[in-house]
Amino acid sequence: MTTAHTAHPPAGNAEQTNARAWHTYGDHHLGRDTPLAEVDRFSWGPAPTGPGEEILGDLNGLRVLDLGCGPAWHAAHLARAHRATVDAVDASPGQIARARARYADLPGLRLLHADAVDHLRAATPYDVIYSLRAVHFLDPHRLLPALAAGLKPGGRLCFTVLHTNSAGDGPGTSVAPRPEILRLAGGEELTVWMWVLTPELWEDLLVRYGLRVEHVTALDTPEEGNRASYRLFQIRRPDRISSRPRTAEPPAPQSAVGVGAVLAGPRGLLLGRHRRGTTELPGGMVEAGESLPEAVVRELAEETGLVADPADVRLLGLLLDRVDDVVRITVGAVVTRWRGEPADQPGERVGDWRWWPLDALPPGLFECSAQILTAWRPDLPLDHPPAHFTPFADQERGRPNQPDRPDQRD
């Protein structure tokens, strides 16, 4: 194929042009009574080189879909040689008519004239789906999610797409169709639209729609002077639903996540003095890889020397406010058990730990501490910037530690 230099149409118009072209293509071969040659192995690319149908795995007893089957000679081969149940689908009525004239009575083969996406949306998911040089004629954003939904979990998908045409025009880096010339026997030419994308872009699209690329094979034309090259993708739908980052770059810093711990007992509420003058609860920033209760326990030990267990941390909820362009996220927690006596710790910015009666709290509370205390005890007369509070569950607020617990020595 060679590129025809024409402006890109909308994806839907490109697919409509392709549907008309395949109608003409099928009628062309019907009118010429082009003979159907049987195949005894797969040829994924422009020449009988490279892997064969073995990459599809053991097909015995499986449901298989041939997408863009043409005259269905590959589908017929699988039905005969591998005892698979094969649905062969093509958008060209002429091609399906040719296939039916030859294979209408072949056991295990069903021949269907349909749009690929419409068929996938209506069909029961398949064990295996394959396509030889047809995927690039359909908008990937329409086809790939249908392919992912049309595969059973753990199912295999294999297809070939154009990488470089015979004139040497390589793939594009945007998801847009480009015109290519399809030459018919007798010299007639048809303009079709193809999504000729880099392998990296194909893989990004496949992963986006829930599929995992296992291998990509280059298939080049052996003819001298013909620079056509295809790429064979071997893909699997994972047994489990995957997740992935948007990019390899870290997110832009725009939020800060911290925890604050309420320790209240017979001697009052534990507060310390920050070196910048504020009075505050034990707490600090959540570190990568730790849970919220683990962060509370770590910060409590680092700042006060008190020892607690994550199982004895009761999370109150999430507080959201804003400092300049940073969204501040603070999680309030109540520690119900601890061991030891609070003491200043080397290198920490908060010290002078004291127990304060709830009816005689000091002024100058750190904003986040005041917000947490309000979430814990809304009756406390505290002033602070407004914060959106979302409780994690219906919490019993304001219940102090019981003095008769043997593991509490405060």
Protein backbone atom coordinates (compact mmCIF):
# COMPACT_ATOMS: atom_id res chain seq x y z
CA MET A 1 0.00 0.00 0.00
CA THR A 2 1.06 3.59 -0.60
CA THR A 3 -0.16 6.74 1.03
CA ALA A 4 -2.60 9.07 -0.71
CA HIS A 5 -2.07 12.64 0.48
CA THR A 6 -5.47 13.78 1.72
CA ALA A 7 -6.62 15.61 4.85
CA HIS A 8 -7.70 13.41 7.75
CA PRO A 9 -11.48 12.84 7.92
CA PRO A 10 -13.36 12.24 11.16
CA ALA A 11 -12.94 8.67 12.38
CA GLY A 12 -16.56 7.78 11.60
CA ASN A 13 -16.24 9.05 8.02
CA ALA A 14 -13.01 7.08 7.58
CA GLU A 15 -14.71 3.87 8.69
CA GLN A 16 -17.66 4.52 6.33
CA THR A 17 -15.22 5.01 3.44
CA ASN A 18 -13.54 1.71 4.36
CA ALA A 19 -16.88 -0.12 4.49
CA ARG A 20 -17.71 1.05 0.97
CA ALA A 21 -14.23 0.09 -0.22
CA TRP A 22 -14.55 -3.44 1.16
CA HIS A 23 -17.96 -3.78 -0.48
CA THR A 24 -16.32 -2.86 -3.79
CA TYR A 25 -13.35 -5.15 -3.07
CA GLY A 26 -15.60 -8.15 -2.44
CA ASP A 27 -17.71 -7.49 -5.53
CA HIS A 28 -14.51 -7.17 -7.56
CA HIS A 29 -13.42 -10.69 -6.61
CA LEU A 30 -16.92 -12.11 -7.04
CA GLY A 31 -17.08 -10.65 -10.53
CA ARG A 32 -13.68 -12.06 -11.45
CA ASP A 33 -14.51 -15.40 -9.82
CA THR A 34 -11.13 -15.23 -8.09
CA PRO A 35 -10.23 -18.77 -6.97
CA LEU A 36 -9.84 -19.49 -3.27
CA ALA A 37 -6.57 -21.18 -2.46
CA GLU A 38 -6.60 -23.34 0.67
CA VAL A 39 -4.04 -22.60 3.38
CA ASP A 40 -2.23 -25.14 5.52
CA ARG A 41 -0.55 -22.58 7.83
CA PHE A 42 -1.02 -18.99 8.92
CA SER A 43 0.77 -16.13 7.24
CA TRP A 44 0.42 -13.16 9.56
CA GLY A 45 2.39 -10.76 7.43
CA PRO A 46 2.96 -10.03 3.75
CA ALA A 47 4.90 -13.28 3.20
CA PRO A 48 4.79 -16.86 4.58
CA THR A 49 7.53 -16.20 7.11
CA GLY A 50 7.51 -15.76 10.87
CA PRO A 51 5.29 -17.53 13.38
CA GLY A 52 2.17 -19.48 12.44
CA GLU A 53 -1.04 -20.35 14.23
CA GLU A 54 0.91 -21.94 17.09
CA ILE A 55 0.97 -18.55 18.81
CA LEU A 56 -2.79 -18.91 19.31
CA GLY A 57 -2.17 -21.85 21.66
CA ASP A 58 -4.18 -25.03 21.95
CA LEU A 59 -7.51 -24.32 20.25
CA ASN A 60 -9.16 -27.70 20.72
CA GLY A 61 -12.73 -27.11 21.90
CA LEU A 62 -12.30 -23.32 22.21
CA ARG A 63 -14.45 -20.52 20.81
CA VAL A 64 -12.41 -18.49 18.31
CA LEU A 65 -13.17 -15.28 16.39
CA ASP A 66 -11.57 -14.37 13.05
CA LEU A 67 -12.06 -10.61 12.73
CA GLY A 68 -11.97 -9.33 9.16
CA CYS A 69 -11.89 -12.89 7.82
CA GLY A 70 -12.06 -12.07 4.09
CA PRO A 71 -12.88 -15.34 2.25
CA ALA A 72 -12.33 -17.20 5.57
CA TRP A 73 -9.56 -19.55 4.46
CA HIS A 74 -7.68 -19.14 7.76
CA ALA A 75 -10.85 -19.69 9.79
CA ALA A 76 -11.61 -22.83 7.74
CA HIS A 77 -8.10 -24.11 8.38
CA LEU A 78 -8.50 -23.72 12.15
CA ALA A 79 -11.91 -25.40 12.16
CA ARG A 80 -10.53 -28.38 10.24
CA ALA A 81 -7.08 -28.74 11.78
CA HIS A 82 -7.69 -27.74 15.41
CA ARG A 83 -11.32 -28.70 16.05
CA ALA A 84 -12.09 -25.18 17.17
CA THR A 85 -15.47 -23.48 16.94
CA VAL A 86 -14.71 -20.46 14.76
CA ASP A 87 -16.84 -17.41 14.03
CA ALA A 88 -15.56 -15.65 10.91
CA VAL A 89 -16.75 -12.04 10.60
CA ASP A 90 -16.24 -9.58 7.75
CA ALA A 91 -17.78 -6.23 6.76
CA SER A 92 -17.72 -7.15 3.04
CA PRO A 93 -20.83 -8.98 1.84
CA GLY A 94 -18.89 -10.10 -1.25
CA GLN A 95 -16.16 -11.72 0.81
CA ILE A 96 -18.68 -13.54 3.01
CA ALA A 97 -20.51 -14.70 -0.15
CA ARG A 98 -17.22 -16.13 -1.47
CA ALA A 99 -16.61 -17.87 1.87
CA ARG A 100 -20.11 -19.36 1.97
CA ALA A 101 -19.76 -20.71 -1.54
CA ARG A 102 -16.75 -22.74 -0.36
CA TYR A 103 -17.22 -23.41 3.37
CA ALA A 104 -20.94 -23.21 4.13
CA ASP A 105 -21.06 -26.86 5.27
CA LEU A 106 -17.76 -26.99 7.15
CA PRO A 107 -18.39 -28.20 10.74
CA GLY A 108 -17.32 -25.75 13.44
CA LEU A 109 -17.28 -22.69 11.13
CA ARG A 110 -19.87 -19.91 11.19
CA LEU A 111 -19.68 -17.16 8.55
CA LEU A 112 -21.08 -13.74 9.49
CA HIS A 113 -21.46 -10.47 7.58
CA ALA A 114 -21.26 -7.81 10.31
CA ASP A 115 -19.42 -4.76 11.59
CA ALA A 116 -16.65 -5.99 13.89
CA VAL A 117 -17.57 -3.79 16.85
CA ASP A 118 -21.30 -4.50 16.58
CA HIS A 119 -20.58 -8.24 16.56
CA LEU A 120 -18.22 -8.05 19.57
CA ARG A 121 -20.77 -6.10 21.60
CA ALA A 122 -23.47 -8.69 20.97
CA ALA A 123 -21.43 -11.92 21.13
CA THR A 124 -20.55 -14.10 24.10
CA PRO A 125 -16.87 -13.50 24.95
CA TYR A 126 -14.34 -15.65 23.07
CA ASP A 127 -11.38 -17.70 24.24
CA VAL A 128 -9.25 -16.48 21.32
CA ILE A 129 -9.60 -13.58 18.86
CA TYR A 130 -7.28 -13.01 15.92
CA SER A 131 -7.13 -10.70 12.94
CA LEU A 132 -4.83 -10.69 9.93
CA ARG A 133 -4.25 -7.17 8.63
CA ALA A 134 -7.73 -5.85 9.45
CA VAL A 135 -7.48 -4.10 12.84
CA HIS A 136 -5.88 -0.97 11.35
CA PHE A 137 -9.03 -0.22 9.30
CA LEU A 138 -11.07 0.58 12.43
CA ASP A 139 -10.84 3.43 14.93
CA PRO A 140 -8.83 2.02 17.87
CA HIS A 141 -10.93 3.97 20.36
CA ARG A 142 -14.01 2.14 19.06
CA LEU A 143 -12.49 -1.28 18.42
CA LEU A 144 -10.10 -1.91 21.33
CA PRO A 145 -12.60 -1.60 24.21
CA ALA A 146 -14.92 -3.94 22.28
CA LEU A 147 -12.06 -6.40 21.83
CA ALA A 148 -11.23 -6.28 25.53
CA ALA A 149 -14.87 -6.91 26.46
CA GLY A 150 -15.14 -9.60 23.76
CA LEU A 151 -12.36 -11.71 25.31
CA LYS A 152 -12.78 -13.97 28.30
CA PRO A 153 -10.45 -13.22 31.24
CA GLY A 154 -7.16 -14.90 30.36
CA GLY A 155 -8.12 -14.98 26.67
CA ARG A 156 -5.63 -14.42 23.83
CA LEU A 157 -5.70 -11.78 21.11
CA CYS A 158 -3.32 -11.73 18.12
CA PHE A 159 -3.38 -9.28 15.21
CA THR A 160 -1.18 -7.71 12.58
CA VAL A 161 -1.17 -4.03 11.62
CA LEU A 162 0.69 -2.04 8.99
CA HIS A 163 3.90 -0.42 10.22
CA THR A 164 5.54 0.86 7.00
CA ASN A 165 3.88 0.83 3.58
CA SER A 166 5.51 -0.23 0.32
CA ALA A 167 6.71 3.33 -0.32
CA GLY A 168 8.47 3.45 3.06
CA ASP A 169 6.00 5.75 4.85
CA GLY A 170 6.30 4.88 8.53
CA PRO A 171 3.82 4.95 11.40
CA GLY A 172 2.35 8.07 12.97
CA THR A 173 2.47 9.18 16.59
CA SER A 174 -1.15 10.35 16.87
CA VAL A 175 -4.34 8.30 16.82
CA ALA A 176 -5.56 9.51 13.43
CA PRO A 177 -6.26 7.67 10.16
CA ARG A 178 -4.28 8.27 7.01
CA PRO A 179 -5.20 7.41 3.41
CA GLU A 180 -3.64 4.39 1.72
CA ILE A 181 -4.08 3.06 -1.83
CA LEU A 182 -5.42 -0.48 -2.23
CA ARG A 183 -4.66 -1.85 -5.68
CA LEU A 184 -6.98 -4.40 -7.28
CA ALA A 185 -6.14 -6.91 -9.97
CA GLY A 186 -6.63 -5.22 -13.32
CA GLY A 187 -5.17 -1.88 -12.20
CA GLU A 188 -8.14 -0.34 -10.34
CA GLU A 189 -7.28 1.54 -7.14
CA LEU A 190 -9.29 2.15 -3.97
CA THR A 191 -8.54 4.72 -1.28
CA VAL A 192 -8.90 3.35 2.24
CA TRP A 193 -8.15 4.93 5.60
CA MET A 194 -5.84 3.22 8.05
CA TRP A 195 -4.66 3.84 11.61
CA VAL A 196 -0.91 3.30 11.11
CA LEU A 197 0.57 3.84 14.58
CA THR A 198 3.87 3.21 16.27
CA PRO A 199 4.10 -0.01 18.32
CA GLU A 200 4.48 2.12 21.44
CA LEU A 201 1.23 3.94 20.70
CA TRP A 202 -0.58 0.66 19.96
CA GLU A 203 0.66 -0.75 23.26
CA ASP A 204 -0.40 2.37 25.16
CA LEU A 205 -3.91 2.08 23.68
CA LEU A 206 -4.15 -1.64 24.40
CA VAL A 207 -3.08 -1.16 28.02
CA ARG A 208 -5.51 1.73 28.38
CA TYR A 209 -8.36 -0.59 27.48
CA GLY A 210 -7.34 -3.37 29.85
CA LEU A 211 -5.16 -5.63 27.67
CA ARG A 212 -1.56 -6.76 28.21
CA VAL A 213 0.93 -6.91 25.32
CA GLU A 214 3.15 -9.98 25.66
CA HIS A 215 5.16 -9.84 22.43
CA VAL A 216 5.55 -7.76 19.26
CA THR A 217 7.11 -9.28 16.12
CA ALA A 218 8.34 -7.37 13.04
CA LEU A 219 7.20 -8.93 9.74
CA ASP A 220 8.96 -7.46 6.71
CA THR A 221 8.31 -8.03 3.03
CA PRO A 222 11.14 -10.10 1.48
CA GLU A 223 10.64 -8.58 -2.02
CA GLU A 224 13.40 -6.23 -3.12
CA GLY A 225 12.17 -2.66 -3.43
CA ASN A 226 9.01 -3.32 -1.38
CA ARG A 227 9.41 -1.66 2.02
CA ALA A 228 6.10 -2.86 3.47
CA SER A 229 6.40 -4.02 7.07
CA TYR A 230 3.84 -5.22 9.59
CA ARG A 231 3.81 -5.73 13.34
CA LEU A 232 2.31 -8.82 14.94
CA PHE A 233 0.94 -8.22 18.44
CA GLN A 234 0.44 -11.08 20.89
CA ILE A 235 -1.87 -9.92 23.66
CA ARG A 236 -3.71 -11.36 26.62
CA ARG A 237 -6.63 -10.15 28.65
CA PRO A 238 -5.45 -10.46 32.28
CA ASP A 239 -7.32 -12.76 34.64
CA ARG A 240 -7.54 -9.82 37.01
CA ILE A 241 -8.36 -6.19 36.32
CA SER A 242 -5.16 -4.18 36.13
CA SER A 243 -4.26 -0.66 37.14
CA ARG A 244 -1.44 1.56 35.93
CA PRO A 245 -0.05 5.07 36.34
CA ARG A 246 -0.95 7.74 33.79
CA THR A 247 2.73 8.42 33.11
CA ALA A 248 6.14 7.47 34.43
CA GLU A 249 6.47 10.95 35.97
CA PRO A 250 5.45 11.59 39.59
CA PRO A 251 2.36 13.74 40.15
CA ALA A 252 2.81 17.47 40.54
CA PRO A 253 3.12 18.41 44.24
CA GLN A 254 -0.23 19.88 45.13
CA SER A 255 -1.30 18.23 48.36
CA ALA A 256 0.10 17.37 51.76
CA VAL A 257 -1.18 14.43 53.81
CA GLY A 258 -0.74 14.32 57.56
CA VAL A 259 -2.11 12.65 60.67
CA GLY A 260 -2.85 13.95 64.13
CA ALA A 261 -3.38 11.77 67.22
CA VAL A 262 -5.76 12.43 70.10
CA LEU A 263 -4.56 10.86 73.37
CA ALA A 264 -6.95 11.64 76.19
CA GLY A 265 -6.85 10.07 79.65
CA PRO A 266 -7.43 10.85 83.31
CA ARG A 267 -4.80 13.60 83.23
CA GLY A 268 -6.28 15.29 80.18
CA LEU A 269 -5.26 15.73 76.56
CA LEU A 270 -1.67 15.33 75.39
CA LEU A 271 -0.26 18.42 73.64
CA GLY A 272 3.26 19.54 72.79
CA ARG A 273 4.92 22.83 71.90
CA HIS A 274 6.35 23.28 68.38
CA ARG A 275 9.56 25.27 68.11
CA ARG A 276 7.63 27.81 66.05
CA GLY A 277 5.30 28.47 68.97
CA THR A 278 2.14 26.51 68.19
CA THR A 279 0.69 23.95 70.58
CA GLU A 280 -0.32 20.72 68.87
CA LEU A 281 -1.25 17.08 68.93
CA PRO A 282 1.35 14.40 68.16
CA GLY A 283 1.42 13.79 64.41
CA GLY A 284 3.10 14.52 61.13
CA MET A 285 3.31 13.57 57.48
CA VAL A 286 2.34 10.15 56.15
CA GLU A 287 5.31 8.36 54.62
CA ALA A 288 5.24 6.30 51.42
CA GLY A 289 4.09 2.73 51.88
CA GLU A 290 2.54 3.02 55.34
CA SER A 291 -1.09 2.90 56.38
CA LEU A 292 -2.75 5.72 58.27
CA PRO A 293 -2.73 3.83 61.61
CA GLU A 294 0.95 2.96 61.05
CA ALA A 295 1.71 6.63 60.42
CA VAL A 296 -0.03 7.60 63.68
CA VAL A 297 1.94 4.99 65.67
CA ARG A 298 5.26 5.97 64.08
CA GLU A 299 4.78 9.70 64.62
CA LEU A 300 3.66 9.11 68.20
CA ALA A 301 6.83 7.14 68.95
CA GLU A 302 9.14 9.55 67.12
CA GLU A 303 7.76 12.68 68.84
CA THR A 304 6.81 11.47 72.32
CA GLY A 305 8.42 8.06 72.89
CA LEU A 306 5.00 6.53 73.56
CA VAL A 307 4.41 3.07 72.12
CA ALA A 308 1.08 2.07 70.58
CA ASP A 309 -0.27 -0.59 68.25
CA PRO A 310 -2.00 0.21 64.94
CA ALA A 311 -4.92 -1.95 66.08
CA ASP A 312 -5.55 0.58 68.85
CA VAL A 313 -5.82 3.54 66.48
CA ARG A 314 -9.37 4.66 65.69
CA LEU A 315 -9.53 6.90 62.62
CA LEU A 316 -12.00 9.76 62.89
CA GLY A 317 -12.11 10.99 59.30
CA LEU A 318 -10.64 13.23 56.65
CA LEU A 319 -10.19 16.99 56.96
CA LEU A 320 -9.59 19.08 53.84
CA ASP A 321 -8.51 22.71 53.77
CA ARG A 322 -6.23 24.83 51.59
CA VAL A 323 -3.01 26.71 52.19
CA ASP A 324 -2.20 28.85 49.14
CA ASP A 325 -2.15 26.36 46.22
CA VAL A 326 -1.70 23.27 48.38
CA VAL A 327 -4.65 21.10 49.37
CA ARG A 328 -3.98 20.08 52.97
CA ILE A 329 -5.33 16.66 53.93
CA THR A 330 -5.32 15.78 57.62
CA VAL A 331 -6.58 12.54 59.09
CA GLY A 332 -7.61 12.69 62.71
CA ALA A 333 -7.25 9.64 64.95
CA VAL A 334 -7.87 8.60 68.51
CA VAL A 335 -5.30 6.34 70.16
CA THR A 336 -7.14 4.17 72.67
CA ARG A 337 -4.11 2.42 74.28
CA TRP A 338 -0.45 3.30 74.70
CA ARG A 339 2.54 2.49 76.86
CA GLY A 340 5.12 4.77 78.47
CA GLU A 341 5.42 8.38 79.52
CA PRO A 342 5.62 11.24 76.96
CA ALA A 343 9.06 12.83 76.75
CA ASP A 344 10.97 15.10 74.42
CA GLN A 345 12.78 13.18 71.68
CA PRO A 346 16.15 14.17 70.15
CA GLY A 347 15.93 16.03 66.86
CA GLU A 348 12.15 16.51 66.96
CA ARG A 349 10.51 19.90 66.40
CA VAL A 350 7.78 19.35 69.00
CA GLY A 351 8.45 18.86 72.71
CA ASP A 352 7.44 20.02 76.19
CA TRP A 353 4.68 17.40 76.22
CA ARG A 354 1.98 18.03 78.82
CA TRP A 355 -1.49 16.78 79.71
CA TRP A 356 -4.07 19.58 79.47
CA PRO A 357 -7.58 19.50 80.93
CA LEU A 358 -10.22 19.79 78.20
CA ASP A 359 -11.76 22.78 79.93
CA ALA A 360 -8.41 24.61 80.09
CA LEU A 361 -6.75 24.07 76.72
CA PRO A 362 -3.96 26.54 75.84
CA PRO A 363 -4.36 29.19 73.13
CA GLY A 364 -2.35 29.13 69.92
CA LEU A 365 -3.30 25.65 68.82
CA PHE A 366 -1.93 24.53 65.46
CA GLU A 367 -4.76 24.84 62.91
CA CYS A 368 -4.78 21.15 61.97
CA SER A 369 -4.81 20.09 65.63
CA ALA A 370 -7.76 22.40 66.30
CA GLN A 371 -9.62 20.97 63.31
CA ILE A 372 -9.04 17.40 64.52
CA LEU A 373 -10.17 18.25 68.05
CA THR A 374 -13.36 19.83 66.67
CA ALA A 375 -14.04 16.65 64.66
CA TRP A 376 -13.45 14.61 67.84
CA ARG A 377 -15.37 16.87 70.22
CA PRO A 378 -17.59 19.41 68.41
CA ASP A 379 -18.52 20.96 71.76
CA LEU A 380 -14.99 22.28 72.37
CA PRO A 381 -14.84 26.11 71.92
CA LEU A 382 -12.08 26.16 69.30
CA ASP A 383 -11.44 28.71 66.55
CA HIS A 384 -9.72 27.58 63.34
CA PRO A 385 -9.97 27.91 59.55
CA PRO A 386 -12.90 25.99 58.09
CA ALA A 387 -12.20 22.46 56.86
CA HIS A 388 -14.34 19.90 55.07
CA PHE A 389 -14.70 16.91 57.38
CA THR A 390 -15.66 13.47 56.09
CA PRO A 391 -15.99 10.83 58.83
CA PHE A 392 -14.70 7.36 58.02
CA ALA A 393 -17.49 5.73 60.02
CA ASP A 394 -19.93 6.50 62.80
CA GLN A 395 -17.41 7.15 65.55
CA GLU A 396 -18.07 7.49 69.25
CA ARG A 397 -16.38 10.80 69.91
CA GLY A 398 -14.87 12.06 73.10
CA ARG A 399 -14.50 8.77 74.95
CA PRO A 400 -11.33 9.00 77.08
CA ASN A 401 -9.10 6.05 77.88
CA GLN A 402 -10.27 3.92 80.76
CA PRO A 403 -7.88 4.23 83.74
CA ASP A 404 -8.15 0.59 84.79
CA ARG A 405 -6.55 -0.88 81.63
CA PRO A 406 -3.35 -2.72 82.65
CA ASP A 407 -1.41 -1.64 79.54
CA GLN A 408 -2.06 2.09 80.03
CA ARG A 409 0.44 3.85 82.25
CA ASP A 410 0.06 7.54 81.57
